Each structure stands twice: as C-alpha cells, then as structure tokens.
Amino acid sequence: MSSQPHEPTRATPTTAPGSDRELRADARRNRERVLRTARQLFATDGLGVSLDEIARRAGVGPGTVHRHFPTKEALYLAVATDMLRQLAAEAEELAATADPAALFTLLSRMVATGAENVAVKSALAAAEFDLRTAAPDVAADLTQHVAVLLDRAHAAGVARQDASVDEVMALVAGAFTAIRHAAAETSPERSAHIAQIILDGLRPRPR
C-alpha cells in the first residue's frame, strides 16, 4: 500500500512581516541612519541644519526624526553618545591586539573624532550637558579601555610612568579646546598635528 508523500514542513520565519520585532528592527535602523546623517551634516554644514533636512538626507520622514529626537539637544546628545560607543568599540579592538603603542592610536582617533564633532560638543556644553553625567556607562566603558591600554603602554615603556588615566583623558579634552582655539576643526591635518604635539607629552622623557 503506497503512502502519500508528506508535504515538506515549511520553516516558520523567526520574524513575521509586520511583527513587533521587525518593526523594532526597522525603527532601530532608521534611528542609526538618522544619527549617521546628522553627524555628517553637523560636521560639514554646522548645527543650523534643520531636523527636516536631516530627515530628507537620511531618506526618512520628518516624523521619524521628531519621534526619536524631539529636540535638537536630544539629537546632539545622541550623536555624541553614539560617537563614544564607536570609540569604545574601536578601543576594544585595539585592546585585542599586541601593539604596545595602541594607546596612542586610540587617543589620536578620539581627538580626530572629537575635532570633527566639536560643534556638537560645544552645543552640549552650552546646554550644560556633560556626557559623563548624561551617558555615564558609555563614558566609563571608554575610560576603562583607555586605562587598559595605558597599563600596557606603561609595561612596554612607551608611555611615561607618571601619567594616570584621568590625566590622559584630560589631555584629550584639552586637545579639543586647542583645536577649536586654533580654528582647526575643519582641517584634519592641522588638528592631527596639534594632537600629535599634545600626545607627545605622554611619551617617556629622554634620559
């Protein structure tokens, strides 16, 4: 007696079209797209760019931007926090290498990123936002990675032994101020040169 072939079992999609999970993922992608676009426009066009223009350039509706970021200040803070998260991720990658001078690579990237977004940082300061207070976990994560790389640099003798992580972070903040004072925000070459001068102070002094 012959048996009828069984209908192959179709795999149930893990995320059904229109499901809450899919909508959440879509909202997350839109938010990330808006952040990337805002960061680029703030760096090239200044802080005067409107939320509607950011929406247009990001390829989303104005309501999407206003829903995620009801005010310009909220967007500034999100851009700056996202910047810190990316730097923390880069720091983690550098910590996984064997390079004893990875500290200087990270600090150079931190200064370059901060110089690119100095207008955003200035706007937050004017609004009395402190990233260390507004995003303490992200700021602490980045600082911890800097501490790990500083310890490695100390052990290898490529960083001066009397430099603490708090002093290193203060030097980075000072570099932002120096770059802004020199009006070098839009010149990667000049801002990198200023950063190099400042970071050279972390290297061991000649005997």
C-alpha atoms as a PDB file:
ATOM      1  CA  MET A   1       0.000   0.000   0.000  1.00  0.00           C
ATOM      2  CA  SER A   2       1.533   3.174  -1.161  1.00  0.00           C
ATOM      3  CA  SER A   3       1.637   6.148   1.099  1.00  0.00           C
ATOM      4  CA  GLN A   4       1.088   9.711   0.014  1.00  0.00           C
ATOM      5  CA  PRO A   5       4.253  11.842   0.093  1.00  0.00           C
ATOM      6  CA  HIS A   6       4.332  14.109   3.049  1.00  0.00           C
ATOM      7  CA  GLU A   7       4.115  17.818   2.473  1.00  0.00           C
ATOM      8  CA  PRO A   8       7.563  19.254   3.307  1.00  0.00           C
ATOM      9  CA  THR A   9       7.478  21.185   6.507  1.00  0.00           C
ATOM     10  CA  ARG A  10       7.956  24.865   5.889  1.00  0.00           C
ATOM     11  CA  ALA A  11      10.205  26.658   8.306  1.00  0.00           C
ATOM     12  CA  THR A  12       8.332  29.272  10.229  1.00  0.00           C
ATOM     13  CA  PRO A  13      10.084  32.620   9.801  1.00  0.00           C
ATOM     14  CA  THR A  14      11.606  33.832  13.029  1.00  0.00           C
ATOM     15  CA  THR A  15      10.369  37.336  12.285  1.00  0.00           C
ATOM     16  CA  ALA A  16       6.972  37.610  10.643  1.00  0.00           C
ATOM     17  CA  PRO A  17       6.385  40.555   8.324  1.00  0.00           C
ATOM     18  CA  GLY A  18       4.843  43.386  10.268  1.00  0.00           C
ATOM     19  CA  SER A  19       5.702  41.819  13.628  1.00  0.00           C
ATOM     20  CA  ASP A  20       6.737  43.913  16.616  1.00  0.00           C
ATOM     21  CA  ARG A  21      10.279  42.556  16.324  1.00  0.00           C
ATOM     22  CA  GLU A  22      10.524  43.550  12.659  1.00  0.00           C
ATOM     23  CA  LEU A  23       9.113  46.979  13.430  1.00  0.00           C
ATOM     24  CA  ARG A  24      11.592  47.433  16.269  1.00  0.00           C
ATOM     25  CA  ALA A  25      14.481  46.420  13.982  1.00  0.00           C
ATOM     26  CA  ASP A  26      13.241  48.822  11.310  1.00  0.00           C
ATOM     27  CA  ALA A  27      12.959  51.641  13.843  1.00  0.00           C
ATOM     28  CA  ARG A  28      16.484  50.892  15.060  1.00  0.00           C
ATOM     29  CA  ARG A  29      17.859  51.022  11.514  1.00  0.00           C
ATOM     30  CA  ASN A  30      16.090  54.320  10.883  1.00  0.00           C
ATOM     31  CA  ARG A  31      17.476  55.762  14.093  1.00  0.00           C
ATOM     32  CA  GLU A  32      21.018  54.709  13.174  1.00  0.00           C
ATOM     33  CA  ARG A  33      20.578  56.197   9.688  1.00  0.00           C
ATOM     34  CA  VAL A  34      19.433  59.490  11.182  1.00  0.00           C
ATOM     35  CA  LEU A  35      22.387  59.547  13.590  1.00  0.00           C
ATOM     36  CA  ARG A  36      24.924  58.916  10.828  1.00  0.00           C
ATOM     37  CA  THR A  37      23.377  61.598   8.642  1.00  0.00           C
ATOM     38  CA  ALA A  38      23.145  64.123  11.476  1.00  0.00           C
ATOM     39  CA  ARG A  39      26.754  63.560  12.438  1.00  0.00           C
ATOM     40  CA  GLN A  40      27.901  64.149   8.850  1.00  0.00           C
ATOM     41  CA  LEU A  41      25.743  67.235   8.368  1.00  0.00           C
ATOM     42  CA  PHE A  42      26.718  68.786  11.703  1.00  0.00           C
ATOM     43  CA  ALA A  43      30.384  68.350  10.751  1.00  0.00           C
ATOM     44  CA  THR A  44      30.014  69.794   7.238  1.00  0.00           C
ATOM     45  CA  ASP A  45      27.099  72.242   7.473  1.00  0.00           C
ATOM     46  CA  GLY A  46      27.119  73.217  11.144  1.00  0.00           C
ATOM     47  CA  LEU A  47      24.439  72.955  13.796  1.00  0.00           C
ATOM     48  CA  GLY A  48      21.973  75.155  11.935  1.00  0.00           C
ATOM     49  CA  VAL A  49      20.808  72.298   9.729  1.00  0.00           C
ATOM     50  CA  SER A  50      17.146  71.572  10.431  1.00  0.00           C
ATOM     51  CA  LEU A  51      15.660  68.296  11.623  1.00  0.00           C
ATOM     52  CA  ASP A  52      13.558  68.188   8.454  1.00  0.00           C
ATOM     53  CA  GLU A  53      16.686  68.482   6.285  1.00  0.00           C
ATOM     54  CA  ILE A  54      18.339  65.699   8.269  1.00  0.00           C
ATOM     55  CA  ALA A  55      15.259  63.565   7.646  1.00  0.00           C
ATOM     56  CA  ARG A  56      15.363  64.301   3.920  1.00  0.00           C
ATOM     57  CA  ARG A  57      19.057  63.455   3.618  1.00  0.00           C
ATOM     58  CA  ALA A  58      18.616  60.305   5.710  1.00  0.00           C
ATOM     59  CA  GLY A  59      15.763  59.132   3.484  1.00  0.00           C
ATOM     60  CA  VAL A  60      13.168  59.009   6.255  1.00  0.00           C
ATOM     61  CA  GLY A  61      10.069  61.017   7.041  1.00  0.00           C
ATOM     62  CA  PRO A  62      10.256  64.097   9.291  1.00  0.00           C
ATOM     63  CA  GLY A  63       8.021  62.324  11.795  1.00  0.00           C
ATOM     64  CA  THR A  64      10.633  59.588  12.198  1.00  0.00           C
ATOM     65  CA  VAL A  65      13.288  62.103  13.244  1.00  0.00           C
ATOM     66  CA  HIS A  66      10.962  64.026  15.552  1.00  0.00           C
ATOM     67  CA  ARG A  67       9.739  60.805  17.143  1.00  0.00           C
ATOM     68  CA  HIS A  68      13.247  59.647  18.022  1.00  0.00           C
ATOM     69  CA  PHE A  69      14.668  63.117  18.718  1.00  0.00           C
ATOM     70  CA  PRO A  70      12.006  65.632  19.780  1.00  0.00           C
ATOM     71  CA  THR A  71      14.564  68.436  20.179  1.00  0.00           C
ATOM     72  CA  LYS A  72      17.893  69.421  18.650  1.00  0.00           C
ATOM     73  CA  GLU A  73      19.514  68.968  22.063  1.00  0.00           C
ATOM     74  CA  ALA A  74      18.282  65.356  22.186  1.00  0.00           C
ATOM     75  CA  LEU A  75      19.861  64.741  18.776  1.00  0.00           C
ATOM     76  CA  TYR A  76      23.136  66.404  19.824  1.00  0.00           C
ATOM     77  CA  LEU A  77      23.307  64.153  22.866  1.00  0.00           C
ATOM     78  CA  ALA A  78      22.500  61.035  20.834  1.00  0.00           C
ATOM     79  CA  VAL A  79      25.181  61.869  18.246  1.00  0.00           C
ATOM     80  CA  ALA A  80      27.791  62.437  20.957  1.00  0.00           C
ATOM     81  CA  THR A  81      26.821  59.258  22.829  1.00  0.00           C
ATOM     82  CA  ASP A  82      26.948  57.233  19.608  1.00  0.00           C
ATOM     83  CA  MET A  83      30.386  58.684  18.968  1.00  0.00           C
ATOM     84  CA  LEU A  84      31.561  57.446  22.369  1.00  0.00           C
ATOM     85  CA  ARG A  85      30.119  53.980  21.710  1.00  0.00           C
ATOM     86  CA  GLN A  86      32.007  53.726  18.431  1.00  0.00           C
ATOM     87  CA  LEU A  87      35.234  54.809  20.110  1.00  0.00           C
ATOM     88  CA  ALA A  88      34.720  52.238  22.869  1.00  0.00           C
ATOM     89  CA  ALA A  89      34.266  49.545  20.208  1.00  0.00           C
ATOM     90  CA  GLU A  90      37.477  50.651  18.491  1.00  0.00           C
ATOM     91  CA  ALA A  91      39.260  50.635  21.843  1.00  0.00           C
ATOM     92  CA  GLU A  92      38.116  47.073  22.467  1.00  0.00           C
ATOM     93  CA  GLU A  93      39.504  46.026  19.086  1.00  0.00           C
ATOM     94  CA  LEU A  94      42.825  47.730  19.825  1.00  0.00           C
ATOM     95  CA  ALA A  95      42.985  46.058  23.239  1.00  0.00           C
ATOM     96  CA  ALA A  96      42.768  42.674  21.466  1.00  0.00           C
ATOM     97  CA  THR A  97      45.972  43.424  19.528  1.00  0.00           C
ATOM     98  CA  ALA A  98      49.507  43.037  20.827  1.00  0.00           C
ATOM     99  CA  ASP A  99      50.533  46.575  19.913  1.00  0.00           C
ATOM    100  CA  PRO A 100      52.104  48.223  22.995  1.00  0.00           C
ATOM    101  CA  ALA A 101      51.539  51.673  21.474  1.00  0.00           C
ATOM    102  CA  ALA A 102      47.835  51.066  20.745  1.00  0.00           C
ATOM    103  CA  LEU A 103      47.087  53.749  23.347  1.00  0.00           C
ATOM    104  CA  PHE A 104      48.390  56.444  21.020  1.00  0.00           C
ATOM    105  CA  THR A 105      46.347  55.073  18.107  1.00  0.00           C
ATOM    106  CA  LEU A 106      43.188  55.241  20.202  1.00  0.00           C
ATOM    107  CA  LEU A 107      43.890  58.706  21.578  1.00  0.00           C
ATOM    108  CA  SER A 108      44.573  60.033  18.071  1.00  0.00           C
ATOM    109  CA  ARG A 109      41.229  58.626  16.923  1.00  0.00           C
ATOM    110  CA  MET A 110      39.495  60.143  19.937  1.00  0.00           C
ATOM    111  CA  VAL A 111      40.919  63.569  19.173  1.00  0.00           C
ATOM    112  CA  ALA A 112      40.090  63.305  15.455  1.00  0.00           C
ATOM    113  CA  THR A 113      36.515  62.264  16.209  1.00  0.00           C
ATOM    114  CA  GLY A 114      36.112  64.986  18.803  1.00  0.00           C
ATOM    115  CA  ALA A 115      37.532  67.605  16.431  1.00  0.00           C
ATOM    116  CA  GLU A 116      35.063  66.528  13.753  1.00  0.00           C
ATOM    117  CA  ASN A 117      32.210  66.900  16.244  1.00  0.00           C
ATOM    118  CA  VAL A 118      33.496  69.877  18.223  1.00  0.00           C
ATOM    119  CA  ALA A 119      30.378  71.883  17.338  1.00  0.00           C
ATOM    120  CA  VAL A 120      28.172  69.187  18.849  1.00  0.00           C
ATOM    121  CA  LYS A 121      30.305  69.047  21.990  1.00  0.00           C
ATOM    122  CA  SER A 122      30.182  72.841  22.279  1.00  0.00           C
ATOM    123  CA  ALA A 123      26.397  72.820  21.905  1.00  0.00           C
ATOM    124  CA  LEU A 124      26.100  70.250  24.675  1.00  0.00           C
ATOM    125  CA  ALA A 125      28.381  72.303  26.899  1.00  0.00           C
ATOM    126  CA  ALA A 126      26.293  75.415  26.221  1.00  0.00           C
ATOM    127  CA  ALA A 127      23.176  73.461  27.183  1.00  0.00           C
ATOM    128  CA  GLU A 128      25.017  72.308  30.337  1.00  0.00           C
ATOM    129  CA  PHE A 129      25.083  68.669  29.238  1.00  0.00           C
ATOM    130  CA  ASP A 130      28.037  66.637  30.462  1.00  0.00           C
ATOM    131  CA  LEU A 131      28.474  63.321  28.648  1.00  0.00           C
ATOM    132  CA  ARG A 132      29.995  61.781  31.748  1.00  0.00           C
ATOM    133  CA  THR A 133      26.716  62.501  33.523  1.00  0.00           C
ATOM    134  CA  ALA A 134      24.298  62.018  30.628  1.00  0.00           C
ATOM    135  CA  ALA A 135      25.870  58.749  29.414  1.00  0.00           C
ATOM    136  CA  PRO A 136      27.911  57.526  32.396  1.00  0.00           C
ATOM    137  CA  ASP A 137      28.073  53.847  31.349  1.00  0.00           C
ATOM    138  CA  VAL A 138      29.401  54.629  27.872  1.00  0.00           C
ATOM    139  CA  ALA A 139      31.909  57.193  29.164  1.00  0.00           C
ATOM    140  CA  ALA A 140      33.091  54.790  31.887  1.00  0.00           C
ATOM    141  CA  ASP A 141      33.467  51.986  29.337  1.00  0.00           C
ATOM    142  CA  LEU A 142      35.686  54.114  27.116  1.00  0.00           C
ATOM    143  CA  THR A 143      37.747  55.301  30.083  1.00  0.00           C
ATOM    144  CA  GLN A 144      38.247  51.701  31.210  1.00  0.00           C
ATOM    145  CA  HIS A 145      39.567  50.741  27.771  1.00  0.00           C
ATOM    146  CA  VAL A 146      41.946  53.707  27.860  1.00  0.00           C
ATOM    147  CA  ALA A 147      43.158  52.531  31.279  1.00  0.00           C
ATOM    148  CA  VAL A 148      43.872  49.032  29.933  1.00  0.00           C
ATOM    149  CA  LEU A 149      45.849  50.406  27.002  1.00  0.00           C
ATOM    150  CA  LEU A 150      47.690  52.830  29.292  1.00  0.00           C
ATOM    151  CA  ASP A 151      48.739  49.952  31.570  1.00  0.00           C
ATOM    152  CA  ARG A 152      50.079  48.088  28.548  1.00  0.00           C
ATOM    153  CA  ALA A 153      51.949  51.173  27.348  1.00  0.00           C
ATOM    154  CA  HIS A 154      53.448  51.598  30.835  1.00  0.00           C
ATOM    155  CA  ALA A 155      54.577  47.968  30.901  1.00  0.00           C
ATOM    156  CA  ALA A 156      56.217  48.336  27.477  1.00  0.00           C
ATOM    157  CA  GLY A 157      57.884  51.602  28.448  1.00  0.00           C
ATOM    158  CA  VAL A 158      56.284  53.583  25.628  1.00  0.00           C
ATOM    159  CA  ALA A 159      54.304  55.902  27.914  1.00  0.00           C
ATOM    160  CA  ARG A 160      55.623  57.876  30.843  1.00  0.00           C
ATOM    161  CA  GLN A 161      55.075  56.073  34.113  1.00  0.00           C
ATOM    162  CA  ASP A 162      53.668  59.064  35.996  1.00  0.00           C
ATOM    163  CA  ALA A 163      50.687  59.549  33.651  1.00  0.00           C
ATOM    164  CA  SER A 164      47.339  58.434  35.079  1.00  0.00           C
ATOM    165  CA  VAL A 165      44.207  57.635  33.085  1.00  0.00           C
ATOM    166  CA  ASP A 166      42.487  60.756  34.446  1.00  0.00           C
ATOM    167  CA  GLU A 167      45.383  62.872  33.186  1.00  0.00           C
ATOM    168  CA  VAL A 168      45.258  61.150  29.797  1.00  0.00           C
ATOM    169  CA  MET A 169      41.537  61.891  29.451  1.00  0.00           C
ATOM    170  CA  ALA A 170      42.206  65.494  30.493  1.00  0.00           C
ATOM    171  CA  LEU A 171      44.826  65.787  27.737  1.00  0.00           C
ATOM    172  CA  VAL A 172      42.307  64.589  25.161  1.00  0.00           C
ATOM    173  CA  ALA A 173      39.768  67.156  26.374  1.00  0.00           C
ATOM    174  CA  GLY A 174      42.494  69.803  26.254  1.00  0.00           C
ATOM    175  CA  ALA A 175      43.291  68.837  22.672  1.00  0.00           C
ATOM    176  CA  PHE A 176      39.682  69.590  21.667  1.00  0.00           C
ATOM    177  CA  THR A 177      39.994  73.052  23.192  1.00  0.00           C
ATOM    178  CA  ALA A 178      43.331  73.668  21.477  1.00  0.00           C
ATOM    179  CA  ILE A 179      41.958  72.605  18.091  1.00  0.00           C
ATOM    180  CA  ARG A 180      38.956  74.865  18.488  1.00  0.00           C
ATOM    181  CA  HIS A 181      41.145  77.775  19.618  1.00  0.00           C
ATOM    182  CA  ALA A 182      43.296  77.322  16.505  1.00  0.00           C
ATOM    183  CA  ALA A 183      40.160  77.138  14.312  1.00  0.00           C
ATOM    184  CA  ALA A 184      41.474  73.821  13.018  1.00  0.00           C
ATOM    185  CA  GLU A 185      38.218  71.840  13.277  1.00  0.00           C
ATOM    186  CA  THR A 186      37.799  71.613   9.510  1.00  0.00           C
ATOM    187  CA  SER A 187      41.431  70.710   8.829  1.00  0.00           C
ATOM    188  CA  PRO A 188      42.240  67.078   9.670  1.00  0.00           C
ATOM    189  CA  GLU A 189      45.930  67.768   9.029  1.00  0.00           C
ATOM    190  CA  ARG A 190      46.145  70.714  11.432  1.00  0.00           C
ATOM    191  CA  SER A 191      44.035  69.043  14.117  1.00  0.00           C
ATOM    192  CA  ALA A 192      46.160  65.885  13.850  1.00  0.00           C
ATOM    193  CA  HIS A 193      49.331  67.992  14.178  1.00  0.00           C
ATOM    194  CA  ILE A 194      48.012  69.698  17.313  1.00  0.00           C
ATOM    195  CA  ALA A 195      47.031  66.314  18.749  1.00  0.00           C
ATOM    196  CA  GLN A 196      50.493  64.941  17.978  1.00  0.00           C
ATOM    197  CA  ILE A 197      52.169  67.788  19.879  1.00  0.00           C
ATOM    198  CA  ILE A 198      49.930  67.210  22.896  1.00  0.00           C
ATOM    199  CA  LEU A 199      50.187  63.412  22.880  1.00  0.00           C
ATOM    200  CA  ASP A 200      53.980  63.551  22.564  1.00  0.00           C
ATOM    201  CA  GLY A 201      53.884  64.727  26.162  1.00  0.00           C
ATOM    202  CA  LEU A 202      52.772  61.215  27.137  1.00  0.00           C
ATOM    203  CA  ARG A 203      55.878  59.605  25.747  1.00  0.00           C
ATOM    204  CA  PRO A 204      58.829  58.871  28.083  1.00  0.00           C
ATOM    205  CA  ARG A 205      61.185  61.761  28.617  1.00  0.00           C
ATOM    206  CA  PRO A 206      64.710  61.342  27.185  1.00  0.00           C
ATOM    207  CA  ARG A 207      67.225  60.333  29.801  1.00  0.00           C
END
